[in-house]
Amino acid sequence: MRASSFRNREKGQSLMELAISVTLLLLILAGIVDLGRAFFTLMAMQDAAEEGVVYGVAFPRECTNIVNRVRYNLSSAVQPENTTVAVYIKNSSDEPLSCTSISSTEVVAGREMLIEVTQPFQITMPILGAITGQTIPLKATANGVLLRPQP
C-alpha cells in the first residue's frame, strides 16, 4: 500500500507542476503578443509620419492636408481617434514652430520639417499592465528638408 500512495502523490505533484508551468507559459505568450502589437503599432505610426513628411516637404504650408495624410495612413493599422499629429517647421533660429503658427517668410527651401505622431497604447495583458501601467505612450517622429519655397 505504501508504494501506491507514493505513486498517487507523484501524480498529484506532476499535475501541479504542469498547471503552474502552463500558466506561466501562457502569460509569457500573452506578453509577447502584446509587445508585438505595440511594435506593429509603432511601425505603422512611423510609416505614417514618414508619409506625412513626403507630402509636407513639397507642400509645407498645407498643414491640414499633411495631418490628414498622416491620419489616412494610420486608419487601417492604428486607432486614429487616439492619435495626436504635430507638424513643426524650424525657423531661422532653428526653433521648431507649429506649421500653423510659423510665418510665411520663414517657410523656405532648406528648412527642416518635423512630424510627431503620439498615441497611448492600451496593454491587454493583466500582469504586464500592472507593471507598466495600463497604457504605454508610443511616439514616432520623422523629419525632412523642405524642397521648395512657398509660392
N, C-alpha and C. Protein backbone atom coordinates (compact mmCIF):
# COMPACT_ATOMS: atom_id res chain seq x y z
N MET A 1 0.82 -1.21 0.00
CA MET A 1 0.00 0.00 0.00
C MET A 1 0.85 1.25 0.00
N ARG A 2 1.97 1.14 0.57
CA ARG A 2 2.81 2.33 0.63
C ARG A 2 3.26 2.74 -0.77
N ALA A 3 3.55 1.80 -1.63
CA ALA A 3 4.02 2.12 -2.97
C ALA A 3 2.93 2.81 -3.78
N SER A 4 1.67 2.38 -3.64
CA SER A 4 0.59 3.00 -4.40
C SER A 4 0.31 4.41 -3.90
N SER A 5 0.37 4.66 -2.61
CA SER A 5 0.14 6.03 -2.12
C SER A 5 1.28 6.95 -2.54
N PHE A 6 2.49 6.42 -2.64
CA PHE A 6 3.62 7.21 -3.12
C PHE A 6 3.42 7.61 -4.58
N ARG A 7 2.92 6.67 -5.40
CA ARG A 7 2.66 6.96 -6.81
C ARG A 7 1.54 8.00 -6.96
N ASN A 8 0.53 7.94 -6.13
CA ASN A 8 -0.56 8.91 -6.19
C ASN A 8 -0.05 10.32 -5.87
N ARG A 9 0.86 10.41 -4.88
CA ARG A 9 1.43 11.72 -4.56
C ARG A 9 2.28 12.24 -5.70
N GLU A 10 3.01 11.35 -6.39
CA GLU A 10 3.81 11.76 -7.54
C GLU A 10 2.93 12.26 -8.67
N LYS A 11 1.80 11.60 -8.89
CA LYS A 11 0.87 12.04 -9.93
C LYS A 11 0.32 13.43 -9.60
N GLY A 12 -0.01 13.64 -8.36
CA GLY A 12 -0.52 14.95 -7.93
C GLY A 12 0.53 16.03 -8.09
N GLN A 13 1.77 15.69 -7.77
CA GLN A 13 2.86 16.65 -7.90
C GLN A 13 3.09 16.99 -9.37
N SER A 14 3.07 16.00 -10.23
CA SER A 14 3.27 16.24 -11.66
C SER A 14 2.16 17.10 -12.23
N LEU A 15 0.93 16.84 -11.79
CA LEU A 15 -0.19 17.64 -12.27
C LEU A 15 -0.07 19.09 -11.81
N MET A 16 0.38 19.30 -10.59
CA MET A 16 0.57 20.65 -10.08
C MET A 16 1.69 21.37 -10.83
N GLU A 17 2.78 20.69 -11.11
CA GLU A 17 3.89 21.29 -11.87
C GLU A 17 3.42 21.66 -13.28
N LEU A 18 2.63 20.79 -13.90
CA LEU A 18 2.11 21.08 -15.23
C LEU A 18 1.21 22.31 -15.21
N ALA A 19 0.33 22.41 -14.23
CA ALA A 19 -0.58 23.55 -14.14
C ALA A 19 0.18 24.86 -13.96
N ILE A 20 1.19 24.85 -13.11
CA ILE A 20 1.97 26.07 -12.89
C ILE A 20 2.77 26.44 -14.14
N SER A 21 3.42 25.47 -14.76
CA SER A 21 4.25 25.78 -15.93
C SER A 21 3.41 26.21 -17.13
N VAL A 22 2.25 25.60 -17.35
CA VAL A 22 1.39 26.00 -18.46
C VAL A 22 0.87 27.42 -18.22
N THR A 23 0.53 27.76 -17.00
CA THR A 23 0.07 29.11 -16.68
C THR A 23 1.16 30.13 -16.96
N LEU A 24 2.38 29.84 -16.53
CA LEU A 24 3.49 30.76 -16.78
C LEU A 24 3.78 30.89 -18.28
N LEU A 25 3.73 29.78 -19.00
CA LEU A 25 3.98 29.84 -20.44
C LEU A 25 2.91 30.65 -21.17
N LEU A 26 1.66 30.52 -20.76
CA LEU A 26 0.58 31.30 -21.37
C LEU A 26 0.71 32.78 -21.06
N LEU A 27 1.15 33.12 -19.85
CA LEU A 27 1.37 34.52 -19.51
C LEU A 27 2.51 35.11 -20.34
N ILE A 28 3.57 34.35 -20.52
CA ILE A 28 4.70 34.82 -21.34
C ILE A 28 4.25 34.99 -22.78
N LEU A 29 3.48 34.05 -23.30
CA LEU A 29 2.98 34.15 -24.66
C LEU A 29 2.08 35.37 -24.84
N ALA A 30 1.21 35.62 -23.86
CA ALA A 30 0.33 36.80 -23.94
C ALA A 30 1.15 38.08 -23.92
N GLY A 31 2.21 38.12 -23.13
CA GLY A 31 3.09 39.29 -23.10
C GLY A 31 3.79 39.51 -24.41
N ILE A 32 4.24 38.43 -25.04
CA ILE A 32 4.91 38.54 -26.33
C ILE A 32 3.93 39.06 -27.38
N VAL A 33 2.71 38.59 -27.37
CA VAL A 33 1.70 39.06 -28.32
C VAL A 33 1.41 40.54 -28.09
N ASP A 34 1.28 40.95 -26.83
CA ASP A 34 1.01 42.35 -26.50
C ASP A 34 2.15 43.26 -26.96
N LEU A 35 3.36 42.87 -26.68
CA LEU A 35 4.50 43.68 -27.10
C LEU A 35 4.65 43.68 -28.62
N GLY A 36 4.29 42.58 -29.26
CA GLY A 36 4.28 42.53 -30.72
C GLY A 36 3.27 43.50 -31.31
N ARG A 37 2.11 43.59 -30.69
CA ARG A 37 1.10 44.56 -31.12
C ARG A 37 1.60 45.98 -30.97
N ALA A 38 2.28 46.25 -29.85
CA ALA A 38 2.83 47.59 -29.63
C ALA A 38 3.88 47.92 -30.68
N PHE A 39 4.74 46.97 -31.00
CA PHE A 39 5.78 47.19 -32.01
C PHE A 39 5.15 47.43 -33.38
N PHE A 40 4.14 46.65 -33.72
CA PHE A 40 3.44 46.83 -35.00
C PHE A 40 2.80 48.22 -35.07
N THR A 41 2.18 48.64 -33.99
CA THR A 41 1.55 49.96 -33.95
C THR A 41 2.60 51.06 -34.11
N LEU A 42 3.73 50.91 -33.44
CA LEU A 42 4.80 51.91 -33.55
C LEU A 42 5.33 51.98 -34.98
N MET A 43 5.50 50.85 -35.62
CA MET A 43 5.99 50.86 -37.01
C MET A 43 4.97 51.48 -37.96
N ALA A 44 3.68 51.25 -37.72
CA ALA A 44 2.63 51.87 -38.53
C ALA A 44 2.62 53.38 -38.32
N MET A 45 2.84 53.82 -37.08
CA MET A 45 2.91 55.25 -36.80
C MET A 45 4.12 55.88 -37.48
N GLN A 46 5.25 55.18 -37.46
CA GLN A 46 6.46 55.68 -38.10
C GLN A 46 6.26 55.81 -39.61
N ASP A 47 5.65 54.82 -40.23
CA ASP A 47 5.37 54.87 -41.67
C ASP A 47 4.45 56.04 -42.01
N ALA A 48 3.44 56.26 -41.19
CA ALA A 48 2.50 57.35 -41.44
C ALA A 48 3.19 58.71 -41.29
N ALA A 49 4.06 58.84 -40.29
CA ALA A 49 4.80 60.10 -40.11
C ALA A 49 5.71 60.36 -41.30
N GLU A 50 6.36 59.32 -41.79
CA GLU A 50 7.23 59.49 -42.96
C GLU A 50 6.42 59.84 -44.20
N GLU A 51 5.24 59.28 -44.33
CA GLU A 51 4.37 59.63 -45.46
C GLU A 51 3.95 61.09 -45.37
N GLY A 52 3.70 61.57 -44.16
CA GLY A 52 3.37 62.98 -43.97
C GLY A 52 4.53 63.89 -44.35
N VAL A 53 5.75 63.47 -44.04
CA VAL A 53 6.93 64.26 -44.41
C VAL A 53 7.09 64.30 -45.92
N VAL A 54 6.86 63.18 -46.58
CA VAL A 54 6.98 63.14 -48.04
C VAL A 54 6.05 64.18 -48.67
N TYR A 55 4.84 64.27 -48.16
CA TYR A 55 3.89 65.27 -48.68
C TYR A 55 4.27 66.67 -48.20
N GLY A 56 4.66 66.79 -46.95
CA GLY A 56 4.91 68.09 -46.34
C GLY A 56 6.11 68.83 -46.89
N VAL A 57 7.15 68.13 -47.28
CA VAL A 57 8.33 68.85 -47.80
C VAL A 57 8.03 69.47 -49.17
N ALA A 58 7.05 68.96 -49.88
CA ALA A 58 6.66 69.54 -51.16
C ALA A 58 5.60 70.63 -50.99
N PHE A 59 4.74 70.48 -49.99
CA PHE A 59 3.66 71.44 -49.74
C PHE A 59 3.68 71.84 -48.26
N PRO A 60 4.66 72.64 -47.85
CA PRO A 60 4.87 72.89 -46.41
C PRO A 60 3.79 73.72 -45.72
N ARG A 61 3.02 74.53 -46.44
CA ARG A 61 2.02 75.36 -45.78
C ARG A 61 0.65 74.71 -45.73
N GLU A 62 0.50 73.53 -46.27
CA GLU A 62 -0.79 72.85 -46.25
C GLU A 62 -0.87 71.94 -45.03
N CYS A 63 -0.92 72.57 -43.88
CA CYS A 63 -0.84 71.85 -42.60
C CYS A 63 -1.97 70.83 -42.42
N THR A 64 -3.19 71.24 -42.77
CA THR A 64 -4.32 70.33 -42.61
C THR A 64 -4.17 69.11 -43.50
N ASN A 65 -3.71 69.32 -44.72
CA ASN A 65 -3.53 68.19 -45.64
C ASN A 65 -2.41 67.26 -45.17
N ILE A 66 -1.38 67.82 -44.54
CA ILE A 66 -0.29 66.98 -44.01
C ILE A 66 -0.84 66.08 -42.91
N VAL A 67 -1.59 66.67 -41.98
CA VAL A 67 -2.17 65.89 -40.88
C VAL A 67 -3.15 64.86 -41.42
N ASN A 68 -3.96 65.24 -42.40
CA ASN A 68 -4.90 64.29 -43.00
C ASN A 68 -4.17 63.13 -43.68
N ARG A 69 -3.06 63.44 -44.31
CA ARG A 69 -2.28 62.39 -44.97
C ARG A 69 -1.75 61.39 -43.94
N VAL A 70 -1.28 61.89 -42.82
CA VAL A 70 -0.79 61.01 -41.75
C VAL A 70 -1.95 60.17 -41.21
N ARG A 71 -3.05 60.80 -40.91
CA ARG A 71 -4.21 60.07 -40.36
C ARG A 71 -4.76 59.03 -41.34
N TYR A 72 -4.75 59.36 -42.62
CA TYR A 72 -5.23 58.41 -43.62
C TYR A 72 -4.36 57.15 -43.62
N ASN A 73 -3.05 57.33 -43.48
CA ASN A 73 -2.15 56.18 -43.45
C ASN A 73 -2.23 55.40 -42.15
N LEU A 74 -2.77 55.99 -41.11
CA LEU A 74 -2.95 55.28 -39.84
C LEU A 74 -4.27 54.54 -39.77
N SER A 75 -5.22 54.87 -40.62
CA SER A 75 -6.58 54.40 -40.46
C SER A 75 -6.74 52.89 -40.44
N SER A 76 -5.88 52.16 -41.15
CA SER A 76 -6.07 50.71 -41.19
C SER A 76 -5.33 49.98 -40.07
N ALA A 77 -4.32 50.59 -39.48
CA ALA A 77 -3.48 49.88 -38.51
C ALA A 77 -3.62 50.37 -37.08
N VAL A 78 -3.95 51.62 -36.90
CA VAL A 78 -3.94 52.24 -35.58
C VAL A 78 -5.29 52.92 -35.37
N GLN A 79 -5.65 53.10 -34.12
CA GLN A 79 -6.89 53.82 -33.83
C GLN A 79 -6.62 55.32 -33.97
N PRO A 80 -7.03 55.92 -35.09
CA PRO A 80 -6.67 57.32 -35.32
C PRO A 80 -7.32 58.31 -34.36
N GLU A 81 -8.41 57.93 -33.71
CA GLU A 81 -9.05 58.88 -32.80
C GLU A 81 -8.21 59.13 -31.54
N ASN A 82 -7.32 58.22 -31.20
CA ASN A 82 -6.45 58.40 -30.04
C ASN A 82 -5.09 58.99 -30.41
N THR A 83 -4.89 59.28 -31.67
CA THR A 83 -3.59 59.69 -32.16
C THR A 83 -3.49 61.20 -32.26
N THR A 84 -2.34 61.73 -31.84
CA THR A 84 -2.05 63.15 -31.97
C THR A 84 -0.97 63.33 -33.01
N VAL A 85 -1.21 64.22 -33.96
CA VAL A 85 -0.23 64.50 -35.01
C VAL A 85 0.17 65.97 -34.89
N ALA A 86 1.48 66.22 -34.79
CA ALA A 86 2.01 67.58 -34.70
C ALA A 86 3.01 67.79 -35.83
N VAL A 87 2.86 68.93 -36.52
CA VAL A 87 3.74 69.28 -37.63
C VAL A 87 4.50 70.54 -37.26
N TYR A 88 5.83 70.48 -37.31
CA TYR A 88 6.68 71.61 -36.97
C TYR A 88 7.61 71.92 -38.14
N ILE A 89 7.92 73.21 -38.29
CA ILE A 89 8.93 73.66 -39.24
C ILE A 89 9.91 74.52 -38.46
N LYS A 90 11.19 74.26 -38.65
CA LYS A 90 12.20 75.04 -37.93
C LYS A 90 12.35 76.42 -38.57
N ASN A 91 12.43 77.44 -37.72
CA ASN A 91 12.58 78.81 -38.22
C ASN A 91 14.07 79.15 -38.38
N SER A 92 14.36 80.41 -38.63
CA SER A 92 15.74 80.83 -38.89
C SER A 92 16.65 80.65 -37.68
N SER A 93 16.10 80.67 -36.48
CA SER A 93 16.92 80.44 -35.28
C SER A 93 16.87 78.98 -34.84
N ASP A 94 16.45 78.11 -35.73
CA ASP A 94 16.45 76.65 -35.53
C ASP A 94 15.50 76.18 -34.43
N GLU A 95 14.45 76.94 -34.18
CA GLU A 95 13.40 76.54 -33.23
C GLU A 95 12.26 75.90 -34.00
N PRO A 96 11.76 74.76 -33.55
CA PRO A 96 10.60 74.18 -34.24
C PRO A 96 9.32 74.92 -33.85
N LEU A 97 8.63 75.47 -34.84
CA LEU A 97 7.35 76.14 -34.63
C LEU A 97 6.26 75.35 -35.32
N SER A 98 5.07 75.43 -34.77
CA SER A 98 3.93 74.73 -35.36
C SER A 98 3.71 75.20 -36.79
N CYS A 99 3.31 74.29 -37.61
CA CYS A 99 3.08 74.59 -39.03
C CYS A 99 2.06 75.71 -39.20
N THR A 100 1.09 75.75 -38.32
CA THR A 100 0.04 76.77 -38.45
C THR A 100 0.48 78.13 -37.92
N SER A 101 1.49 78.18 -37.06
CA SER A 101 1.87 79.47 -36.45
C SER A 101 3.14 80.08 -37.04
N ILE A 102 3.85 79.38 -37.87
CA ILE A 102 5.08 79.93 -38.45
C ILE A 102 4.71 80.91 -39.57
N SER A 103 5.48 81.98 -39.68
CA SER A 103 5.18 82.98 -40.72
C SER A 103 5.60 82.46 -42.09
N SER A 104 4.97 82.97 -43.12
CA SER A 104 5.24 82.53 -44.48
C SER A 104 6.67 82.84 -44.91
N THR A 105 7.25 83.90 -44.34
CA THR A 105 8.62 84.25 -44.72
C THR A 105 9.64 83.26 -44.17
N GLU A 106 9.26 82.51 -43.15
CA GLU A 106 10.16 81.52 -42.55
C GLU A 106 10.11 80.18 -43.28
N VAL A 107 9.10 79.98 -44.11
CA VAL A 107 8.93 78.71 -44.83
C VAL A 107 9.68 78.82 -46.15
N VAL A 108 10.94 78.40 -46.12
CA VAL A 108 11.79 78.48 -47.31
C VAL A 108 12.46 77.13 -47.54
N ALA A 109 12.92 76.93 -48.76
CA ALA A 109 13.61 75.68 -49.10
C ALA A 109 14.85 75.52 -48.22
N GLY A 110 15.08 74.32 -47.78
CA GLY A 110 16.24 74.02 -46.94
C GLY A 110 15.93 73.95 -45.46
N ARG A 111 14.77 74.44 -45.04
CA ARG A 111 14.38 74.35 -43.62
C ARG A 111 13.91 72.93 -43.31
N GLU A 112 14.00 72.57 -42.04
CA GLU A 112 13.64 71.22 -41.63
C GLU A 112 12.19 71.16 -41.16
N MET A 113 11.48 70.10 -41.57
CA MET A 113 10.12 69.83 -41.12
C MET A 113 10.15 68.60 -40.22
N LEU A 114 9.45 68.68 -39.10
CA LEU A 114 9.35 67.57 -38.16
C LEU A 114 7.89 67.19 -38.00
N ILE A 115 7.63 65.89 -37.99
CA ILE A 115 6.28 65.40 -37.73
C ILE A 115 6.36 64.41 -36.57
N GLU A 116 5.54 64.64 -35.55
CA GLU A 116 5.47 63.76 -34.39
C GLU A 116 4.08 63.14 -34.33
N VAL A 117 4.05 61.83 -34.19
CA VAL A 117 2.80 61.10 -34.04
C VAL A 117 2.86 60.40 -32.69
N THR A 118 1.90 60.68 -31.83
CA THR A 118 1.87 60.06 -30.50
C THR A 118 0.53 59.39 -30.28
N GLN A 119 0.56 58.31 -29.49
CA GLN A 119 -0.66 57.59 -29.17
C GLN A 119 -0.45 56.80 -27.89
N PRO A 120 -1.43 56.79 -26.98
CA PRO A 120 -1.35 55.89 -25.83
C PRO A 120 -1.77 54.49 -26.27
N PHE A 121 -0.90 53.51 -26.04
CA PHE A 121 -1.19 52.13 -26.44
C PHE A 121 -1.76 51.37 -25.26
N GLN A 122 -2.91 50.77 -25.44
CA GLN A 122 -3.60 50.03 -24.37
C GLN A 122 -3.01 48.63 -24.22
N ILE A 123 -2.51 48.32 -23.02
CA ILE A 123 -1.99 46.99 -22.72
C ILE A 123 -3.16 46.08 -22.35
N THR A 124 -3.20 44.88 -22.94
CA THR A 124 -4.29 43.96 -22.63
C THR A 124 -3.87 42.87 -21.65
N MET A 125 -2.58 42.60 -21.55
CA MET A 125 -2.12 41.57 -20.61
C MET A 125 -2.15 42.11 -19.19
N PRO A 126 -2.82 41.41 -18.27
CA PRO A 126 -3.01 41.95 -16.91
C PRO A 126 -1.71 42.16 -16.13
N ILE A 127 -0.79 41.23 -16.17
CA ILE A 127 0.42 41.35 -15.36
C ILE A 127 1.34 42.42 -15.93
N LEU A 128 1.52 42.44 -17.25
CA LEU A 128 2.34 43.46 -17.88
C LEU A 128 1.73 44.84 -17.66
N GLY A 129 0.41 44.92 -17.73
CA GLY A 129 -0.28 46.18 -17.48
C GLY A 129 -0.10 46.67 -16.06
N ALA A 130 -0.02 45.75 -15.11
CA ALA A 130 0.19 46.13 -13.72
C ALA A 130 1.60 46.66 -13.50
N ILE A 131 2.56 46.16 -14.25
CA ILE A 131 3.94 46.60 -14.10
C ILE A 131 4.17 47.94 -14.79
N THR A 132 3.69 48.09 -16.01
CA THR A 132 3.96 49.29 -16.81
C THR A 132 2.84 50.32 -16.75
N GLY A 133 1.73 50.00 -16.16
CA GLY A 133 0.54 50.84 -16.25
C GLY A 133 -0.31 50.30 -17.39
N GLN A 134 -1.54 50.69 -17.47
CA GLN A 134 -2.42 50.12 -18.48
C GLN A 134 -2.17 50.67 -19.88
N THR A 135 -1.43 51.77 -19.99
CA THR A 135 -1.11 52.31 -21.31
C THR A 135 0.38 52.61 -21.39
N ILE A 136 0.90 52.51 -22.61
CA ILE A 136 2.29 52.86 -22.89
C ILE A 136 2.24 53.98 -23.92
N PRO A 137 2.92 55.11 -23.67
CA PRO A 137 2.91 56.17 -24.67
C PRO A 137 3.85 55.82 -25.82
N LEU A 138 3.32 55.76 -27.03
CA LEU A 138 4.13 55.50 -28.21
C LEU A 138 4.33 56.81 -28.97
N LYS A 139 5.54 57.01 -29.48
CA LYS A 139 5.85 58.25 -30.21
C LYS A 139 6.72 57.92 -31.40
N ALA A 140 6.30 58.37 -32.57
CA ALA A 140 7.08 58.20 -33.79
C ALA A 140 7.36 59.58 -34.36
N THR A 141 8.58 59.78 -34.84
CA THR A 141 8.95 61.06 -35.43
C THR A 141 9.58 60.84 -36.80
N ALA A 142 9.41 61.82 -37.65
CA ALA A 142 10.05 61.80 -38.96
C ALA A 142 10.40 63.24 -39.31
N ASN A 143 11.48 63.42 -40.03
CA ASN A 143 11.87 64.76 -40.43
C ASN A 143 12.36 64.76 -41.87
N GLY A 144 12.30 65.91 -42.47
CA GLY A 144 12.74 66.08 -43.85
C GLY A 144 13.05 67.54 -44.11
N VAL A 145 13.68 67.80 -45.22
CA VAL A 145 14.07 69.16 -45.59
C VAL A 145 13.11 69.67 -46.65
N LEU A 146 12.62 70.89 -46.46
CA LEU A 146 11.69 71.49 -47.41
C LEU A 146 12.35 71.59 -48.78
N LEU A 147 11.63 71.18 -49.79
CA LEU A 147 12.20 71.13 -51.13
C LEU A 147 12.03 72.42 -51.93
N ARG A 148 10.97 73.13 -51.65
CA ARG A 148 10.75 74.32 -52.44
C ARG A 148 10.17 75.42 -51.57
N PRO A 149 10.42 76.65 -51.96
CA PRO A 149 9.84 77.75 -51.18
C PRO A 149 8.34 77.85 -51.43
N GLN A 150 7.68 78.52 -50.53
CA GLN A 150 6.25 78.73 -50.65
C GLN A 150 5.98 79.69 -51.81
N PRO A 151 5.02 79.39 -52.70
CA PRO A 151 4.73 80.32 -53.81
C PRO A 151 4.11 81.61 -53.33
